[in-house]
């Protein structure tokens, strides 16, 4: 139906009914905005080796992934364990990938259950000053040869105490072991951050630790 109206100059103009059009942002832009508010969640993956940096991503990752025991790790001398472990993990990952290995690189918290040939979980200890040192933890399914090979290599390089294996329940039953299918799984404590002498020795050698770890893994998981 047409109606007549007067324009601003007194000239008759036609008025018609019209449908209002609301312009919406492109769907892709809307989805991108929504996804930006959700923490990135890693899904299950497969590869040759899994390398997890202990405590990496915390505390931010704890609430979204419903982590009840949000252990932030140890620290000393203005440094934090959760800043050291990614340095070692990233260097080991770099070397392994350069040699053709498929590496599943994980932070402390993630979704899914991975499948690999070997999995290592990297940490530094904290204790009463100089009461601890390097150690390892592993489930019963991990081979003796895998554990002994690491202990032999690391003890020849690390000039401080090696305090043992599975000497705490948390080492023996580390939560990360349940998140991966692998014949070889091992938690590695590289040394005690809260011991001043060990701290001073380790701090400039984090990438060398990654190189040591990569060399060990390439020996134990041949391509």
C-alpha atoms as a PDB file:
ATOM      1  CA  UNK A   1       0.000   0.000   0.000  1.00  0.00           C
ATOM      2  CA  UNK A   2       1.380   3.417  -0.996  1.00  0.00           C
ATOM      3  CA  UNK A   3       0.902   6.595   1.007  1.00  0.00           C
ATOM      4  CA  UNK A   4       1.817  10.167   0.197  1.00  0.00           C
ATOM      5  CA  UNK A   5       4.078  12.274   2.382  1.00  0.00           C
ATOM      6  CA  UNK A   6       5.691  15.671   2.090  1.00  0.00           C
ATOM      7  CA  UNK A   7       9.417  15.856   1.837  1.00  0.00           C
ATOM      8  CA  UNK A   8      11.531  18.547   3.451  1.00  0.00           C
ATOM      9  CA  UNK A   9      10.940  20.804   0.449  1.00  0.00           C
ATOM     10  CA  UNK A  10       7.195  20.323   0.366  1.00  0.00           C
ATOM     11  CA  UNK A  11       7.418  17.887  -2.523  1.00  0.00           C
ATOM     12  CA  UNK A  12       5.190  14.853  -2.385  1.00  0.00           C
ATOM     13  CA  UNK A  13       7.093  11.612  -2.139  1.00  0.00           C
ATOM     14  CA  UNK A  14       5.921   8.056  -2.051  1.00  0.00           C
ATOM     15  CA  UNK A  15       6.149   6.145   1.236  1.00  0.00           C
ATOM     16  CA  UNK A  16       6.193   2.364   1.131  1.00  0.00           C
ATOM     17  CA  UNK A  17       6.208  -0.337   3.735  1.00  0.00           C
ATOM     18  CA  UNK A  18       9.660  -1.921   4.030  1.00  0.00           C
ATOM     19  CA  UNK A  19      11.270  -4.770   5.912  1.00  0.00           C
ATOM     20  CA  UNK A  20      14.068  -3.837   8.301  1.00  0.00           C
ATOM     21  CA  UNK A  21      17.351  -5.633   7.547  1.00  0.00           C
ATOM     22  CA  UNK A  22      19.757  -6.200  10.407  1.00  0.00           C
ATOM     23  CA  UNK A  23      23.272  -6.825   9.241  1.00  0.00           C
ATOM     24  CA  UNK A  24      25.034  -9.457  11.348  1.00  0.00           C
ATOM     25  CA  UNK A  25      28.784 -10.055  11.508  1.00  0.00           C
ATOM     26  CA  UNK A  26      30.055 -12.873   9.360  1.00  0.00           C
ATOM     27  CA  UNK A  27      29.577 -16.260  11.007  1.00  0.00           C
ATOM     28  CA  UNK A  28      33.298 -16.935  10.960  1.00  0.00           C
ATOM     29  CA  UNK A  29      33.964 -13.739  12.894  1.00  0.00           C
ATOM     30  CA  UNK A  30      31.387 -14.648  15.527  1.00  0.00           C
ATOM     31  CA  UNK A  31      32.865 -18.113  15.987  1.00  0.00           C
ATOM     32  CA  UNK A  32      36.368 -16.718  16.199  1.00  0.00           C
ATOM     33  CA  UNK A  33      35.292 -14.299  18.924  1.00  0.00           C
ATOM     34  CA  UNK A  34      33.666 -17.098  20.910  1.00  0.00           C
ATOM     35  CA  UNK A  35      36.632 -19.432  20.569  1.00  0.00           C
ATOM     36  CA  UNK A  36      38.986 -16.701  21.721  1.00  0.00           C
ATOM     37  CA  UNK A  37      37.314 -16.813  25.140  1.00  0.00           C
ATOM     38  CA  UNK A  38      37.803 -20.574  25.539  1.00  0.00           C
ATOM     39  CA  UNK A  39      41.192 -21.983  26.617  1.00  0.00           C
ATOM     40  CA  UNK A  40      42.894 -24.090  23.981  1.00  0.00           C
ATOM     41  CA  UNK A  41      42.350 -27.772  24.745  1.00  0.00           C
ATOM     42  CA  UNK A  42      44.685 -30.344  23.252  1.00  0.00           C
ATOM     43  CA  UNK A  43      43.072 -33.520  21.991  1.00  0.00           C
ATOM     44  CA  UNK A  44      44.549 -37.011  21.911  1.00  0.00           C
ATOM     45  CA  UNK A  45      47.469 -37.507  19.570  1.00  0.00           C
ATOM     46  CA  UNK A  46      49.903 -40.170  18.350  1.00  0.00           C
ATOM     47  CA  UNK A  47      53.641 -39.995  17.809  1.00  0.00           C
ATOM     48  CA  UNK A  48      57.035 -41.426  18.626  1.00  0.00           C
ATOM     49  CA  UNK A  49      57.710 -39.590  21.883  1.00  0.00           C
ATOM     50  CA  UNK A  50      55.737 -37.510  24.366  1.00  0.00           C
ATOM     51  CA  UNK A  51      57.533 -34.739  26.250  1.00  0.00           C
ATOM     52  CA  UNK A  52      55.651 -33.016  29.060  1.00  0.00           C
ATOM     53  CA  UNK A  53      56.952 -29.907  30.817  1.00  0.00           C
ATOM     54  CA  UNK A  54      55.912 -30.206  34.452  1.00  0.00           C
ATOM     55  CA  UNK A  55      53.615 -27.454  35.806  1.00  0.00           C
ATOM     56  CA  UNK A  56      53.717 -25.569  32.487  1.00  0.00           C
ATOM     57  CA  UNK A  57      50.593 -23.479  31.910  1.00  0.00           C
ATOM     58  CA  UNK A  58      49.503 -23.384  35.532  1.00  0.00           C
ATOM     59  CA  UNK A  59      47.660 -21.853  37.283  1.00  0.00           C
ATOM     60  CA  UNK A  60      45.698 -20.701  34.205  1.00  0.00           C
ATOM     61  CA  UNK A  61      45.022 -24.259  33.013  1.00  0.00           C
ATOM     62  CA  UNK A  62      43.678 -25.612  36.302  1.00  0.00           C
ATOM     63  CA  UNK A  63      40.143 -24.185  36.387  1.00  0.00           C
ATOM     64  CA  UNK A  64      39.184 -24.830  32.719  1.00  0.00           C
ATOM     65  CA  UNK A  65      40.429 -28.417  32.950  1.00  0.00           C
ATOM     66  CA  UNK A  66      38.991 -29.045  36.432  1.00  0.00           C
ATOM     67  CA  UNK A  67      42.348 -29.753  38.069  1.00  0.00           C
ATOM     68  CA  UNK A  68      41.736 -30.159  41.797  1.00  0.00           C
ATOM     69  CA  UNK A  69      45.354 -30.299  42.948  1.00  0.00           C
ATOM     70  CA  UNK A  70      46.786 -27.290  41.115  1.00  0.00           C
ATOM     71  CA  UNK A  71      50.418 -27.813  42.098  1.00  0.00           C
ATOM     72  CA  UNK A  72      52.452 -24.870  40.830  1.00  0.00           C
ATOM     73  CA  UNK A  73      55.821 -26.510  41.413  1.00  0.00           C
ATOM     74  CA  UNK A  74      58.857 -25.287  43.260  1.00  0.00           C
ATOM     75  CA  UNK A  75      61.115 -22.290  42.797  1.00  0.00           C
ATOM     76  CA  UNK A  76      64.230 -20.562  44.079  1.00  0.00           C
ATOM     77  CA  UNK A  77      66.475 -17.616  43.346  1.00  0.00           C
ATOM     78  CA  UNK A  78      63.660 -15.735  41.624  1.00  0.00           C
ATOM     79  CA  UNK A  79      63.112 -18.625  39.202  1.00  0.00           C
ATOM     80  CA  UNK A  80      60.169 -21.016  38.950  1.00  0.00           C
ATOM     81  CA  UNK A  81      60.132 -24.690  38.063  1.00  0.00           C
ATOM     82  CA  UNK A  82      57.285 -24.073  35.617  1.00  0.00           C
ATOM     83  CA  UNK A  83      59.554 -21.689  33.698  1.00  0.00           C
ATOM     84  CA  UNK A  84      62.503 -24.075  33.641  1.00  0.00           C
ATOM     85  CA  UNK A  85      60.756 -27.244  32.490  1.00  0.00           C
ATOM     86  CA  UNK A  86      59.529 -25.755  29.163  1.00  0.00           C
ATOM     87  CA  UNK A  87      63.088 -24.710  28.293  1.00  0.00           C
ATOM     88  CA  UNK A  88      64.331 -28.291  28.666  1.00  0.00           C
ATOM     89  CA  UNK A  89      61.242 -29.746  26.978  1.00  0.00           C
ATOM     90  CA  UNK A  90      61.399 -27.386  24.012  1.00  0.00           C
ATOM     91  CA  UNK A  91      65.091 -28.055  23.401  1.00  0.00           C
ATOM     92  CA  UNK A  92      64.610 -31.836  23.531  1.00  0.00           C
ATOM     93  CA  UNK A  93      61.614 -31.514  21.212  1.00  0.00           C
ATOM     94  CA  UNK A  94      63.583 -29.374  18.752  1.00  0.00           C
ATOM     95  CA  UNK A  95      66.441 -31.872  18.530  1.00  0.00           C
ATOM     96  CA  UNK A  96      64.141 -34.870  18.209  1.00  0.00           C
ATOM     97  CA  UNK A  97      62.095 -33.263  15.445  1.00  0.00           C
ATOM     98  CA  UNK A  98      65.265 -32.305  13.598  1.00  0.00           C
ATOM     99  CA  UNK A  99      66.104 -36.020  13.571  1.00  0.00           C
ATOM    100  CA  UNK A 100      62.718 -36.971  12.159  1.00  0.00           C
ATOM    101  CA  UNK A 101      60.835 -37.953  15.301  1.00  0.00           C
ATOM    102  CA  UNK A 102      57.169 -37.149  15.783  1.00  0.00           C
ATOM    103  CA  UNK A 103      56.994 -35.477  19.197  1.00  0.00           C
ATOM    104  CA  UNK A 104      53.828 -34.870  21.185  1.00  0.00           C
ATOM    105  CA  UNK A 105      54.744 -31.837  23.292  1.00  0.00           C
ATOM    106  CA  UNK A 106      52.458 -31.366  26.297  1.00  0.00           C
ATOM    107  CA  UNK A 107      52.026 -28.825  29.133  1.00  0.00           C
ATOM    108  CA  UNK A 108      50.946 -29.834  32.641  1.00  0.00           C
ATOM    109  CA  UNK A 109      47.224 -30.074  31.856  1.00  0.00           C
ATOM    110  CA  UNK A 110      45.487 -31.192  28.676  1.00  0.00           C
ATOM    111  CA  UNK A 111      42.592 -33.288  27.457  1.00  0.00           C
ATOM    112  CA  UNK A 112      42.820 -36.620  25.726  1.00  0.00           C
ATOM    113  CA  UNK A 113      45.016 -39.697  26.012  1.00  0.00           C
ATOM    114  CA  UNK A 114      48.021 -39.947  23.719  1.00  0.00           C
ATOM    115  CA  UNK A 115      49.718 -42.963  22.169  1.00  0.00           C
ATOM    116  CA  UNK A 116      53.513 -42.957  21.773  1.00  0.00           C
ATOM    117  CA  UNK A 117      56.525 -45.256  22.045  1.00  0.00           C
ATOM    118  CA  UNK A 118      58.058 -43.453  25.035  1.00  0.00           C
ATOM    119  CA  UNK A 119      56.893 -40.655  27.324  1.00  0.00           C
ATOM    120  CA  UNK A 120      58.945 -38.436  29.631  1.00  0.00           C
ATOM    121  CA  UNK A 121      57.670 -35.958  32.209  1.00  0.00           C
ATOM    122  CA  UNK A 122      60.106 -33.248  33.251  1.00  0.00           C
ATOM    123  CA  UNK A 123      60.505 -31.707  36.706  1.00  0.00           C
ATOM    124  CA  UNK A 124      62.879 -30.107  39.183  1.00  0.00           C
ATOM    125  CA  UNK A 125      62.748 -30.953  42.861  1.00  0.00           C
ATOM    126  CA  UNK A 126      62.195 -28.695  45.836  1.00  0.00           C
ATOM    127  CA  UNK A 127      63.082 -29.682  49.398  1.00  0.00           C
ATOM    128  CA  UNK A 128      64.818 -28.601  52.550  1.00  0.00           C
ATOM    129  CA  UNK A 129      67.935 -27.011  51.120  1.00  0.00           C
ATOM    130  CA  UNK A 130      70.235 -29.645  49.610  1.00  0.00           C
ATOM    131  CA  UNK A 131      68.313 -32.589  51.062  1.00  0.00           C
ATOM    132  CA  UNK A 132      67.456 -33.878  47.577  1.00  0.00           C
ATOM    133  CA  UNK A 133      68.836 -34.093  44.066  1.00  0.00           C
ATOM    134  CA  UNK A 134      68.065 -35.908  40.818  1.00  0.00           C
ATOM    135  CA  UNK A 135      65.674 -38.860  40.733  1.00  0.00           C
ATOM    136  CA  UNK A 136      63.249 -40.775  38.534  1.00  0.00           C
ATOM    137  CA  UNK A 137      59.746 -42.179  38.848  1.00  0.00           C
ATOM    138  CA  UNK A 138      58.056 -44.762  36.670  1.00  0.00           C
ATOM    139  CA  UNK A 139      55.211 -47.298  36.641  1.00  0.00           C
ATOM    140  CA  UNK A 140      55.804 -51.039  36.881  1.00  0.00           C
ATOM    141  CA  UNK A 141      55.321 -51.396  33.120  1.00  0.00           C
ATOM    142  CA  UNK A 142      58.452 -49.365  32.275  1.00  0.00           C
ATOM    143  CA  UNK A 143      61.450 -51.535  31.439  1.00  0.00           C
ATOM    144  CA  UNK A 144      64.470 -51.740  33.709  1.00  0.00           C
ATOM    145  CA  UNK A 145      66.716 -51.118  30.719  1.00  0.00           C
ATOM    146  CA  UNK A 146      65.006 -47.778  29.951  1.00  0.00           C
ATOM    147  CA  UNK A 147      65.389 -46.544  33.525  1.00  0.00           C
ATOM    148  CA  UNK A 148      68.977 -47.719  33.911  1.00  0.00           C
ATOM    149  CA  UNK A 149      70.039 -46.155  30.623  1.00  0.00           C
ATOM    150  CA  UNK A 150      68.864 -42.726  31.766  1.00  0.00           C
ATOM    151  CA  UNK A 151      70.383 -43.081  35.231  1.00  0.00           C
ATOM    152  CA  UNK A 152      73.758 -44.080  33.774  1.00  0.00           C
ATOM    153  CA  UNK A 153      73.779 -41.182  31.316  1.00  0.00           C
ATOM    154  CA  UNK A 154      72.586 -38.511  33.725  1.00  0.00           C
ATOM    155  CA  UNK A 155      74.718 -39.558  36.688  1.00  0.00           C
ATOM    156  CA  UNK A 156      77.803 -39.319  34.471  1.00  0.00           C
ATOM    157  CA  UNK A 157      76.901 -35.711  33.633  1.00  0.00           C
ATOM    158  CA  UNK A 158      75.165 -34.338  36.763  1.00  0.00           C
ATOM    159  CA  UNK A 159      77.766 -33.698  39.500  1.00  0.00           C
ATOM    160  CA  UNK A 160      75.371 -33.847  42.454  1.00  0.00           C
ATOM    161  CA  UNK A 161      73.278 -36.436  44.253  1.00  0.00           C
ATOM    162  CA  UNK A 162      71.075 -38.980  42.555  1.00  0.00           C
ATOM    163  CA  UNK A 163      68.650 -39.753  45.367  1.00  0.00           C
ATOM    164  CA  UNK A 164      66.853 -42.757  43.928  1.00  0.00           C
ATOM    165  CA  UNK A 165      63.819 -43.966  42.041  1.00  0.00           C
ATOM    166  CA  UNK A 166      60.130 -44.068  42.959  1.00  0.00           C
ATOM    167  CA  UNK A 167      61.049 -42.793  46.384  1.00  0.00           C
ATOM    168  CA  UNK A 168      57.707 -41.000  46.745  1.00  0.00           C
ATOM    169  CA  UNK A 169      54.188 -42.137  45.885  1.00  0.00           C
ATOM    170  CA  UNK A 170      53.792 -39.139  43.579  1.00  0.00           C
ATOM    171  CA  UNK A 171      56.780 -40.253  41.516  1.00  0.00           C
ATOM    172  CA  UNK A 172      55.639 -43.845  41.255  1.00  0.00           C
ATOM    173  CA  UNK A 173      52.008 -42.959  40.473  1.00  0.00           C
ATOM    174  CA  UNK A 174      52.426 -39.684  38.627  1.00  0.00           C
ATOM    175  CA  UNK A 175      49.116 -38.533  37.126  1.00  0.00           C
ATOM    176  CA  UNK A 176      50.672 -38.080  33.675  1.00  0.00           C
ATOM    177  CA  UNK A 177      51.262 -41.825  33.360  1.00  0.00           C
ATOM    178  CA  UNK A 178      47.489 -42.310  33.112  1.00  0.00           C
ATOM    179  CA  UNK A 179      47.213 -39.898  30.183  1.00  0.00           C
ATOM    180  CA  UNK A 180      49.381 -41.784  27.725  1.00  0.00           C
ATOM    181  CA  UNK A 181      49.627 -45.275  26.244  1.00  0.00           C
ATOM    182  CA  UNK A 182      53.339 -46.084  25.980  1.00  0.00           C
ATOM    183  CA  UNK A 183      55.538 -49.044  26.855  1.00  0.00           C
ATOM    184  CA  UNK A 184      58.105 -46.685  28.414  1.00  0.00           C
ATOM    185  CA  UNK A 185      57.055 -43.887  30.801  1.00  0.00           C
ATOM    186  CA  UNK A 186      59.330 -41.987  33.145  1.00  0.00           C
ATOM    187  CA  UNK A 187      59.211 -38.886  35.327  1.00  0.00           C
ATOM    188  CA  UNK A 188      62.562 -37.133  35.546  1.00  0.00           C
ATOM    189  CA  UNK A 189      63.635 -34.839  38.387  1.00  0.00           C
ATOM    190  CA  UNK A 190      66.743 -33.142  37.015  1.00  0.00           C
ATOM    191  CA  UNK A 191      67.920 -31.812  40.373  1.00  0.00           C
ATOM    192  CA  UNK A 192      66.974 -29.716  43.379  1.00  0.00           C
ATOM    193  CA  UNK A 193      66.255 -26.071  42.625  1.00  0.00           C
ATOM    194  CA  UNK A 194      66.231 -25.198  46.346  1.00  0.00           C
ATOM    195  CA  UNK A 195      69.849 -26.276  46.797  1.00  0.00           C
ATOM    196  CA  UNK A 196      72.014 -23.223  45.972  1.00  0.00           C
ATOM    197  CA  UNK A 197      74.895 -25.276  44.568  1.00  0.00           C
ATOM    198  CA  UNK A 198      72.646 -27.385  42.330  1.00  0.00           C
ATOM    199  CA  UNK A 199      70.671 -24.300  41.272  1.00  0.00           C
ATOM    200  CA  UNK A 200      73.840 -22.462  40.228  1.00  0.00           C
ATOM    201  CA  UNK A 201      75.018 -25.473  38.208  1.00  0.00           C
ATOM    202  CA  UNK A 202      71.667 -26.160  36.499  1.00  0.00           C
ATOM    203  CA  UNK A 203      70.540 -22.613  35.651  1.00  0.00           C
ATOM    204  CA  UNK A 204      72.921 -22.082  32.690  1.00  0.00           C
ATOM    205  CA  UNK A 205      72.565 -25.682  31.469  1.00  0.00           C
ATOM    206  CA  UNK A 206      68.826 -26.083  30.839  1.00  0.00           C
ATOM    207  CA  UNK A 207      69.224 -26.449  27.085  1.00  0.00           C
ATOM    208  CA  UNK A 208      72.090 -28.883  27.581  1.00  0.00           C
ATOM    209  CA  UNK A 209      69.698 -30.941  29.695  1.00  0.00           C
ATOM    210  CA  UNK A 210      67.344 -30.967  26.731  1.00  0.00           C
ATOM    211  CA  UNK A 211      70.185 -32.167  24.509  1.00  0.00           C
ATOM    212  CA  UNK A 212      71.062 -34.931  26.982  1.00  0.00           C
ATOM    213  CA  UNK A 213      67.426 -36.018  27.098  1.00  0.00           C
ATOM    214  CA  UNK A 214      67.075 -36.038  23.314  1.00  0.00           C
ATOM    215  CA  UNK A 215      70.238 -38.112  22.900  1.00  0.00           C
ATOM    216  CA  UNK A 216      68.970 -40.618  25.458  1.00  0.00           C
ATOM    217  CA  UNK A 217      65.576 -40.911  23.764  1.00  0.00           C
ATOM    218  CA  UNK A 218      67.102 -41.387  20.319  1.00  0.00           C
ATOM    219  CA  UNK A 219      69.178 -44.264  21.695  1.00  0.00           C
ATOM    220  CA  UNK A 220      66.208 -45.904  23.383  1.00  0.00           C
ATOM    221  CA  UNK A 221      63.614 -45.260  20.669  1.00  0.00           C
ATOM    222  CA  UNK A 222      65.437 -45.912  17.394  1.00  0.00           C
ATOM    223  CA  UNK A 223      63.725 -44.881  14.175  1.00  0.00           C
END
